[in-house]
Protein backbone atom coordinates (compact mmCIF):
# COMPACT_ATOMS: atom_id res chain seq x y z
CA UNK A 1 57.76 -41.15 16.24
CA UNK A 2 58.55 -39.77 12.81
CA UNK A 3 57.27 -43.01 11.18
CA UNK A 4 53.83 -42.47 12.74
CA UNK A 5 53.38 -39.06 11.09
CA UNK A 6 52.88 -37.86 7.50
CA UNK A 7 51.70 -41.20 6.14
CA UNK A 8 49.59 -39.83 3.32
CA UNK A 9 50.44 -38.37 -0.06
CA UNK A 10 48.48 -35.88 -2.12
CA UNK A 11 47.82 -38.52 -4.77
CA UNK A 12 46.31 -40.89 -2.19
CA UNK A 13 44.00 -38.15 -0.97
CA UNK A 14 42.92 -37.17 -4.49
CA UNK A 15 42.28 -40.81 -5.43
CA UNK A 16 40.34 -41.73 -2.27
CA UNK A 17 36.84 -43.04 -2.96
CA UNK A 18 33.87 -41.34 -1.29
CA UNK A 19 33.45 -42.63 2.28
CA UNK A 20 37.09 -43.66 2.61
CA UNK A 21 38.81 -42.67 5.89
CA UNK A 22 42.62 -42.16 5.84
CA UNK A 23 44.94 -41.51 8.78
CA UNK A 24 47.99 -39.26 8.38
CA UNK A 25 49.17 -40.06 11.91
CA UNK A 26 49.30 -38.06 15.12
CA UNK A 27 45.51 -37.76 15.19
CA UNK A 28 45.11 -36.16 11.72
CA UNK A 29 42.36 -37.88 9.72
CA UNK A 30 40.93 -37.40 6.24
CA UNK A 31 37.48 -38.60 5.10
CA UNK A 32 36.65 -38.40 1.41
CA UNK A 33 33.17 -37.07 0.65
CA UNK A 34 33.53 -37.10 -3.14
CA UNK A 35 36.23 -37.78 -5.70
CA UNK A 36 39.01 -35.30 -4.99
CA UNK A 37 37.33 -33.66 -1.97
CA UNK A 38 36.83 -34.40 1.68
CA UNK A 39 37.17 -33.14 5.25
CA UNK A 40 40.07 -32.94 7.71
CA UNK A 41 39.69 -33.65 11.40
CA UNK A 42 41.94 -33.97 14.42
CA UNK A 43 41.10 -36.60 17.04
CA UNK A 44 42.48 -36.36 20.55
CA UNK A 45 41.83 -37.16 24.19
CA UNK A 46 40.73 -34.00 25.95
CA UNK A 47 42.62 -32.89 29.06
CA UNK A 48 39.94 -30.26 29.85
CA UNK A 49 38.55 -30.81 33.36
CA UNK A 50 35.16 -29.27 32.58
CA UNK A 51 34.67 -31.43 29.48
CA UNK A 52 35.66 -34.56 31.39
CA UNK A 53 33.26 -33.71 34.23
CA UNK A 54 30.43 -33.19 31.73
CA UNK A 55 31.17 -36.56 30.12
CA UNK A 56 31.15 -38.31 33.48
CA UNK A 57 27.90 -36.59 34.39
CA UNK A 58 26.38 -38.02 31.21
CA UNK A 59 27.62 -41.49 32.15
CA UNK A 60 30.32 -41.60 29.47
CA UNK A 61 33.88 -42.75 30.09
CA UNK A 62 35.12 -41.44 26.74
CA UNK A 63 37.09 -38.21 26.70
CA UNK A 64 37.89 -38.34 23.00
CA UNK A 65 36.99 -35.35 20.79
CA UNK A 66 37.24 -34.53 17.09
CA UNK A 67 38.19 -31.06 15.89
CA UNK A 68 37.38 -29.95 12.34
CA UNK A 69 40.37 -28.55 10.42
CA UNK A 70 38.66 -27.62 7.15
CA UNK A 71 37.83 -29.17 3.78
CA UNK A 72 40.08 -30.45 1.03
CA UNK A 73 41.15 -29.10 -1.46
CA UNK A 74 40.58 -25.63 0.16
CA UNK A 75 42.85 -26.86 2.96
CA UNK A 76 45.72 -28.80 1.41
CA UNK A 77 47.64 -31.61 3.07
CA UNK A 78 50.48 -29.37 4.24
CA UNK A 79 48.08 -26.86 5.81
CA UNK A 80 46.16 -29.62 7.56
CA UNK A 81 49.40 -30.96 9.04
CA UNK A 82 50.30 -27.48 10.34
CA UNK A 83 46.91 -27.15 12.04
CA UNK A 84 47.22 -30.61 13.56
CA UNK A 85 50.73 -29.81 14.81
CA UNK A 86 49.45 -26.62 16.49
CA UNK A 87 46.72 -28.65 18.18
CA UNK A 88 49.26 -31.21 19.42
CA UNK A 89 51.37 -28.39 20.88
CA UNK A 90 48.36 -27.21 22.89
CA UNK A 91 47.67 -30.72 24.12
CA UNK A 92 51.29 -30.98 25.27
CA UNK A 93 50.57 -27.94 27.46
CA UNK A 94 47.39 -29.50 28.84
CA UNK A 95 45.09 -27.32 26.74
CA UNK A 96 42.08 -28.66 24.84
CA UNK A 97 42.41 -27.17 21.30
CA UNK A 98 38.61 -27.02 20.85
CA UNK A 99 38.21 -25.07 24.10
CA UNK A 100 41.14 -22.85 23.12
CA UNK A 101 39.49 -22.09 19.79
CA UNK A 102 36.17 -21.35 21.52
CA UNK A 103 37.91 -19.05 24.01
CA UNK A 104 39.70 -17.15 21.26
CA UNK A 105 36.46 -16.77 19.30
CA UNK A 106 34.75 -15.41 22.41
CA UNK A 107 37.58 -12.94 23.02
CA UNK A 108 37.33 -11.79 19.41
CA UNK A 109 33.56 -11.40 19.77
CA UNK A 110 33.96 -9.41 22.98
CA UNK A 111 36.56 -7.12 21.43
CA UNK A 112 34.28 -6.51 18.45
CA UNK A 113 31.34 -5.85 20.76
CA UNK A 114 33.43 -3.43 22.82
CA UNK A 115 34.45 -1.56 19.68
CA UNK A 116 30.84 -1.43 18.50
CA UNK A 117 29.64 -0.35 21.94
CA UNK A 118 32.27 2.36 22.17
CA UNK A 119 31.29 3.68 18.76
CA UNK A 120 27.61 3.57 19.71
CA UNK A 121 28.23 5.34 23.00
CA UNK A 122 30.22 8.00 21.23
CA UNK A 123 27.38 8.51 18.76
CA UNK A 124 24.67 8.33 21.47
CA UNK A 125 24.59 11.87 22.76
CA UNK A 126 22.50 13.07 25.68
CA UNK A 127 20.23 14.98 23.30
CA UNK A 128 19.73 12.04 20.97
CA UNK A 129 18.92 9.72 23.84
CA UNK A 130 16.47 12.23 25.33
CA UNK A 131 14.62 12.83 22.05
CA UNK A 132 14.56 9.33 20.58
CA UNK A 133 14.64 6.98 23.57
CA UNK A 134 13.69 8.55 26.89
CA UNK A 135 10.96 11.10 26.08
CA UNK A 136 8.88 8.73 23.90
CA UNK A 137 8.93 6.36 26.91
CA UNK A 138 8.41 8.93 29.68
CA UNK A 139 5.66 10.93 27.97
CA UNK A 140 3.49 7.93 27.15
CA UNK A 141 0.07 8.61 28.62
CA UNK A 142 0.62 12.34 29.21
CA UNK A 143 -2.62 14.15 28.34
CA UNK A 144 -1.71 17.73 29.20
CA UNK A 145 0.10 19.47 26.29
CA UNK A 146 1.61 21.98 28.71
CA UNK A 147 3.24 19.22 30.77
CA UNK A 148 4.58 17.57 27.62
CA UNK A 149 6.10 20.88 26.53
CA UNK A 150 7.64 21.43 29.97
CA UNK A 151 9.34 18.03 29.88
CA UNK A 152 10.69 18.65 26.39
CA UNK A 153 11.96 22.07 27.44
CA UNK A 154 13.89 20.54 30.33
CA UNK A 155 16.06 18.61 27.87
CA UNK A 156 16.06 21.07 24.97
CA UNK A 157 16.64 24.29 26.92
CA UNK A 158 17.55 23.85 30.57
CA UNK A 159 19.94 20.92 29.93
CA UNK A 160 21.16 22.31 26.60
CA UNK A 161 24.81 22.16 27.71
CA UNK A 162 24.55 18.35 27.91
CA UNK A 163 22.88 17.70 24.56
CA UNK A 164 26.02 17.27 22.43
CA UNK A 165 27.97 15.30 25.05
CA UNK A 166 28.30 11.53 24.67
CA UNK A 167 25.75 10.07 27.10
CA UNK A 168 28.19 7.49 28.48
CA UNK A 169 30.77 10.15 29.40
CA UNK A 170 28.51 12.53 31.35
CA UNK A 171 29.52 12.95 34.98
CA UNK A 172 28.10 14.42 38.13
CA UNK A 173 30.17 17.56 37.46
CA UNK A 174 28.50 17.99 34.06
CA UNK A 175 25.05 17.85 35.63
CA UNK A 176 26.13 20.20 38.43
CA UNK A 177 27.27 22.74 35.83
CA UNK A 178 23.72 22.76 34.46
CA UNK A 179 22.03 23.10 37.85
CA UNK A 180 24.23 25.58 39.75
CA UNK A 181 23.49 28.73 37.70
CA UNK A 182 19.71 28.40 38.23
CA UNK A 183 19.51 26.55 41.54
CA UNK A 184 18.76 29.54 43.75
CA UNK A 185 17.26 31.91 41.17
CA UNK A 186 14.85 29.48 39.48
CA UNK A 187 14.42 26.88 42.18
CA UNK A 188 11.35 25.09 40.80
CA UNK A 189 12.78 24.88 37.29
CA UNK A 190 16.17 23.68 38.55
CA UNK A 191 14.67 21.06 40.86
CA UNK A 192 12.39 19.66 38.16
CA UNK A 193 15.23 19.66 35.64
CA UNK A 194 17.40 17.62 38.01
CA UNK A 195 14.57 15.15 38.65
CA UNK A 196 13.94 14.67 34.94
CA UNK A 197 17.62 14.23 34.15
CA UNK A 198 17.81 11.68 36.96
CA UNK A 199 14.93 9.75 35.40
CA UNK A 200 16.66 9.82 32.02
CA UNK A 201 19.84 8.29 33.45
CA UNK A 202 17.82 5.69 35.38
CA UNK A 203 16.26 4.71 32.05
CA UNK A 204 19.68 4.66 30.35
CA UNK A 205 21.20 2.50 33.13
CA UNK A 206 18.40 -0.06 32.95
CA UNK A 207 18.66 -0.24 29.16
CA UNK A 208 22.45 -0.60 29.01
CA UNK A 209 23.29 2.86 27.65
CA UNK A 210 25.00 4.13 30.82
CA UNK A 211 27.16 2.36 33.38
CA UNK A 212 27.84 3.55 36.89
CA UNK A 213 25.92 5.54 39.50
CA UNK A 214 23.23 7.93 38.37
CA UNK A 215 25.03 11.29 37.96
CA UNK A 216 21.85 13.29 38.60
CA UNK A 217 20.54 11.63 41.77
CA UNK A 218 20.04 13.99 44.72
CA UNK A 219 22.63 12.18 46.84
CA UNK A 220 25.23 13.44 44.36
CA UNK A 221 24.42 17.05 45.33
CA UNK A 222 22.96 17.09 48.85
CA UNK A 223 26.28 18.30 50.30
CA UNK A 224 26.87 20.79 47.47
CA UNK A 225 23.52 22.41 46.73
CA UNK A 226 21.08 23.69 49.35
CA UNK A 227 17.85 21.69 49.57
CA UNK A 228 15.25 23.14 47.21
CA UNK A 229 12.71 25.11 49.22
CA UNK A 230 9.57 25.37 47.17
CA UNK A 231 6.67 27.29 48.65
CA UNK A 232 3.25 25.72 48.07
CA UNK A 233 1.77 27.19 44.90
CA UNK A 234 -1.95 27.68 44.51
CA UNK A 235 -3.75 28.84 41.40
CA UNK A 236 -5.25 32.28 42.15
CA UNK A 237 -9.02 31.80 42.11
CA UNK A 238 -11.85 34.25 41.46
CA UNK A 239 -13.76 34.65 44.78
CA UNK A 240 -17.10 32.91 44.45
CA UNK A 241 -19.00 36.10 45.30
CA UNK A 242 -17.41 37.66 42.18
CA UNK A 243 -18.03 34.78 39.80
CA UNK A 244 -21.17 36.36 38.31
CA UNK A 245 -19.28 39.55 37.48
CA UNK A 246 -16.47 37.50 35.98
CA UNK A 247 -18.83 35.46 33.79
CA UNK A 248 -20.65 38.61 32.67
CA UNK A 249 -17.30 40.10 31.60
CA UNK A 250 -16.44 36.89 29.72
CA UNK A 251 -19.79 36.79 27.93
CA UNK A 252 -19.42 40.42 26.89
CA UNK A 253 -16.39 39.36 24.83
CA UNK A 254 -18.02 36.34 23.20
CA UNK A 255 -19.37 38.04 20.05
CA UNK A 256 -15.77 38.40 18.82
CA UNK A 257 -13.91 35.73 20.79
CA UNK A 258 -14.01 31.94 20.54
CA UNK A 259 -11.67 31.93 23.55
CA UNK A 260 -14.41 33.65 25.58
CA UNK A 261 -16.85 30.89 24.59
CA UNK A 262 -14.35 28.26 25.72
CA UNK A 263 -13.68 30.09 29.00
CA UNK A 264 -17.42 30.21 29.68
CA UNK A 265 -17.59 26.46 29.01
CA UNK A 266 -14.66 25.79 31.36
CA UNK A 267 -16.33 27.84 34.10
CA UNK A 268 -19.57 25.88 33.80
CA UNK A 269 -18.10 22.41 33.20
CA UNK A 270 -15.28 22.88 35.74
CA UNK A 271 -12.95 20.95 33.46
CA UNK A 272 -9.24 21.44 33.01
CA UNK A 273 -7.94 23.56 30.16
CA UNK A 274 -6.80 20.53 28.14
CA UNK A 275 -10.23 18.98 28.52
CA UNK A 276 -11.94 21.91 26.84
CA UNK A 277 -9.27 22.62 24.23
CA UNK A 278 -9.26 19.07 22.88
CA UNK A 279 -12.99 18.35 23.24
CA UNK A 280 -14.55 16.92 20.08
CA UNK A 281 -18.14 16.75 18.91
CA UNK A 282 -18.09 12.97 19.27
CA UNK A 283 -17.88 13.43 23.05
CA UNK A 284 -21.19 15.36 23.16
CA UNK A 285 -24.41 13.42 23.71
CA UNK A 286 -27.32 15.88 23.52
CA UNK A 287 -29.93 13.15 23.93
CA UNK A 288 -28.61 12.47 27.43
CA UNK A 289 -27.26 16.02 27.84
CA UNK A 290 -23.80 14.86 28.86
CA UNK A 291 -20.21 15.45 27.79
CA UNK A 292 -18.19 12.22 28.02
CA UNK A 293 -14.45 12.83 28.28
CA UNK A 294 -12.48 9.64 27.46
CA UNK A 295 -10.01 8.24 29.96
CA UNK A 296 -7.04 9.00 27.70
CA UNK A 297 -7.59 12.72 28.15
CA UNK A 298 -8.18 12.63 31.90
CA UNK A 299 -5.55 13.16 34.57
CA UNK A 300 -7.03 10.36 36.70
CA UNK A 301 -7.05 8.02 33.68
CA UNK A 302 -10.75 7.15 33.88
CA UNK A 303 -13.68 8.43 31.80
CA UNK A 304 -15.45 11.51 33.16
CA UNK A 305 -19.06 12.54 32.51
CA UNK A 306 -20.09 16.19 32.78
CA UNK A 307 -23.81 17.12 32.87
CA UNK A 308 -24.61 19.68 30.14
CA UNK A 309 -26.65 22.62 31.43
CA UNK A 310 -28.88 24.88 29.35
CA UNK A 311 -26.20 27.53 29.01
CA UNK A 312 -23.65 24.93 27.92
CA UNK A 313 -26.07 23.88 25.17
CA UNK A 314 -26.18 27.49 23.96
CA UNK A 315 -22.37 27.58 23.92
CA UNK A 316 -22.28 24.40 21.81
CA UNK A 317 -24.75 25.89 19.32
CA UNK A 318 -22.66 29.03 18.98
CA UNK A 319 -19.40 27.08 18.67
CA UNK A 320 -20.96 24.98 15.91
CA UNK A 321 -22.18 28.10 14.11
CA UNK A 322 -18.63 29.52 14.15
CA UNK A 323 -16.87 26.33 13.16
CA UNK A 324 -14.76 26.56 9.94
CA UNK A 325 -16.82 23.71 8.43
CA UNK A 326 -19.82 26.05 8.25
CA UNK A 327 -17.97 28.14 5.68
CA UNK A 328 -18.45 25.16 3.33
CA UNK A 329 -22.07 24.75 4.35
CA UNK A 330 -21.28 21.64 6.38
CA UNK A 331 -21.66 20.62 10.02
CA UNK A 332 -18.49 19.82 12.00
CA UNK A 333 -17.40 16.19 11.82
CA UNK A 334 -17.53 14.03 14.94
CA UNK A 335 -13.75 14.18 15.22
CA UNK A 336 -13.59 17.98 14.82
CA UNK A 337 -12.68 20.12 17.81
CA UNK A 338 -15.50 22.06 19.44
CA UNK A 339 -13.47 25.17 20.24
CA UNK A 340 -11.50 25.42 17.02
CA UNK A 341 -9.55 28.26 15.46
CA UNK A 342 -10.02 29.37 11.86
CA UNK A 343 -7.97 26.40 10.66
CA UNK A 344 -9.96 23.85 12.66
CA UNK A 345 -7.22 23.31 15.23
CA UNK A 346 -7.59 23.53 19.04
CA UNK A 347 -7.18 26.96 20.56
CA UNK A 348 -3.81 27.65 22.13
CA UNK A 349 -3.08 26.58 25.71
CA UNK A 350 -2.59 30.25 26.62
CA UNK A 351 -5.62 31.71 24.81
CA UNK A 352 -8.04 31.65 27.74
CA UNK A 353 -5.43 32.83 30.24
CA UNK A 354 -4.42 35.68 27.92
CA UNK A 355 -8.08 36.69 27.77
CA UNK A 356 -8.26 36.86 31.55
CA UNK A 357 -5.07 38.94 31.63
CA UNK A 358 -6.92 41.59 29.59
CA UNK A 359 -9.98 41.64 31.88
CA UNK A 360 -9.95 44.48 34.40
CA UNK A 361 -10.43 43.17 37.89
CA UNK A 362 -9.64 39.56 36.97
CA UNK A 363 -6.18 39.69 35.39
CA UNK A 364 -4.48 38.29 38.51
CA UNK A 365 -6.56 35.09 38.51
CA UNK A 366 -6.02 31.87 36.55
CA UNK A 367 -8.24 29.61 34.47
CA UNK A 368 -7.42 26.58 36.61
CA UNK A 369 -8.40 28.60 39.69
CA UNK A 370 -12.03 28.54 38.54
CA UNK A 371 -12.19 24.98 39.82
CA UNK A 372 -11.25 26.26 43.27
CA UNK A 373 -13.91 28.97 42.95
CA UNK A 374 -16.56 26.28 42.50
CA UNK A 375 -15.04 24.15 45.26
CA UNK A 376 -15.16 27.06 47.72
CA UNK A 377 -18.74 27.94 46.75
CA UNK A 378 -19.99 24.37 47.03
CA UNK A 379 -18.26 23.76 50.37
CA UNK A 380 -19.07 27.10 51.99
CA UNK A 381 -22.48 27.93 50.55
CA UNK A 382 -24.20 24.58 49.99
CA UNK A 383 -24.64 21.20 51.60
CA UNK A 384 -24.03 19.15 48.49
CA UNK A 385 -22.22 15.93 49.45
CA UNK A 386 -18.47 16.12 49.26
CA UNK A 387 -18.25 13.09 46.95
CA UNK A 388 -20.46 14.83 44.35
CA UNK A 389 -18.29 17.94 44.46
CA UNK A 390 -15.09 15.93 44.12
CA UNK A 391 -16.54 13.79 41.35
CA UNK A 392 -17.53 16.88 39.37
CA UNK A 393 -13.92 18.06 39.63
CA UNK A 394 -12.73 14.58 38.58
CA UNK A 395 -10.59 14.29 41.69
CA UNK A 396 -9.29 10.90 42.78
CA UNK A 397 -11.51 9.64 45.58
CA UNK A 398 -10.23 7.76 48.60
CA UNK A 399 -10.31 3.96 48.73
CA UNK A 400 -13.45 3.82 50.90
CA UNK A 401 -15.30 6.33 48.71
CA UNK A 402 -14.33 4.41 45.57
CA UNK A 403 -15.59 1.17 47.11
CA UNK A 404 -19.08 2.58 47.73
CA UNK A 405 -19.29 4.79 44.64
CA UNK A 406 -21.35 3.39 41.78
CA UNK A 407 -20.91 5.00 38.36
CA UNK A 408 -20.22 8.68 37.82
CA UNK A 409 -23.49 9.86 39.51
CA UNK A 410 -23.81 12.52 36.83
CA UNK A 411 -27.58 12.75 37.20
CA UNK A 412 -27.16 13.36 40.94
CA UNK A 413 -24.67 16.07 40.02
CA UNK A 414 -26.98 17.74 37.49
CA UNK A 415 -28.99 19.85 40.02
CA UNK A 416 -25.70 21.00 41.54
CA UNK A 417 -24.39 22.06 38.14
CA UNK A 418 -27.65 23.85 37.26
CA UNK A 419 -27.35 25.71 40.56
CA UNK A 420 -23.75 26.61 39.75
CA UNK A 421 -24.84 27.81 36.30
CA UNK A 422 -27.44 30.03 37.97
CA UNK A 423 -24.84 31.52 40.32
CA UNK A 424 -22.54 32.18 37.33
CA UNK A 425 -25.40 33.93 35.53
CA UNK A 426 -26.02 36.20 38.51
CA UNK A 427 -29.29 34.48 39.38
CA UNK A 428 -30.32 32.78 42.58
CA UNK A 429 -30.97 29.05 42.37
CA UNK A 430 -34.67 29.70 43.08
CA UNK A 431 -34.91 32.04 40.10
CA UNK A 432 -33.33 29.35 37.96
CA UNK A 433 -35.87 26.79 39.16
CA UNK A 434 -33.32 24.72 41.10
CA UNK A 435 -33.53 23.40 44.62
CA UNK A 436 -30.19 23.93 46.31
CA UNK A 437 -29.30 22.91 49.87
CA UNK A 438 -27.84 26.27 50.95
CA UNK A 439 -26.05 26.75 54.25
CA UNK A 440 -27.70 29.22 56.60
CA UNK A 441 -26.03 31.50 59.09
CA UNK A 442 -28.75 30.81 61.66
CA UNK A 443 -27.87 27.16 61.80
CA UNK A 444 -24.15 27.80 62.16
CA UNK A 445 -23.39 26.79 58.62
CA UNK A 446 -25.58 23.67 58.67
CA UNK A 447 -28.52 23.19 56.30
């Protein structure tokens, strides 16, 4: 056996011509690639069952393999013999040295990945994940600034105790510690906070940043916390028989208040607060007398057209006169906000509500409730079709209504909005020159 090994000398290897193949014995081979340099390999018959099965499946009866051992002179003769001897030892144990090398490389890769993952998980705090990963995903498409702020507050304020904890280490007990102090005293806030934290962990689980059950799901707490009992909440609405007095009070404040102009516009257009605050001049088409709100700013995610009444035109003229651009002798740009503050920015979300809070007789009502005021008036006092009323409020129609609805029907809505403008001005529809299908008591509420 000893005669079959170590056949070569260093001089033979150094003198080998390019392309020459030399055998050192025991499967160790040397192939010269240039004068004084070449490659080592170890040839053997593989005992690996999987390799053999793959060869048979390919129609090959050969189970021989060649394993690279490095290049000469970086790997000298003695080192090549040591590597070949180690490979022969594995073969004696029934182990394919190529598969063993692959397995060891995979184990090394997995250990390195585990170390990297552990370091990443340690660095990935709850707060960092919320701010840089989850919220940019969850808030995509949100159009209401108030809702965006509420979501951010859930993670910045209500879940503050979790922010500096490593995301991967957070447990059900950590989440419970956040919820328990406010669960019965601030039920709505606590319930929404739990739901938003649950969504964050669902996102983290799907994206490989958290392993295990969701620590904020309701089933983690349904035997610990009482079910949240949230009473239905309605926005207090100005009664429709008081709307003229309300509008008169708003208009009395308009000489000194841009917020009063915007509140008047909201009352007449029946839009949401965010719709008015972020309205730009590009959305106004005075040739057609319409305000076109793009889908991106609508809750229902479809464009909405609002007929512009005569009073709304007056509001636009006054808003343009007060715009900061006029101080430079210029008209507002198409992208400028209609109801802008002195710096050209949208009025605050709370400006109109704060104005109402200072109005005697109306401080307990809300801006959003004005939509209900119109809805009650239209349903109780007129016979305008329900679909026109709902379309003016940009409500989502049912499947059947959507199937038969064609366009936004804004011209069909225009007489209704002129009638509403007359009611807001304290006039009767007849005085305003509008024909309104009013309900009559004699006919039992039928026109």
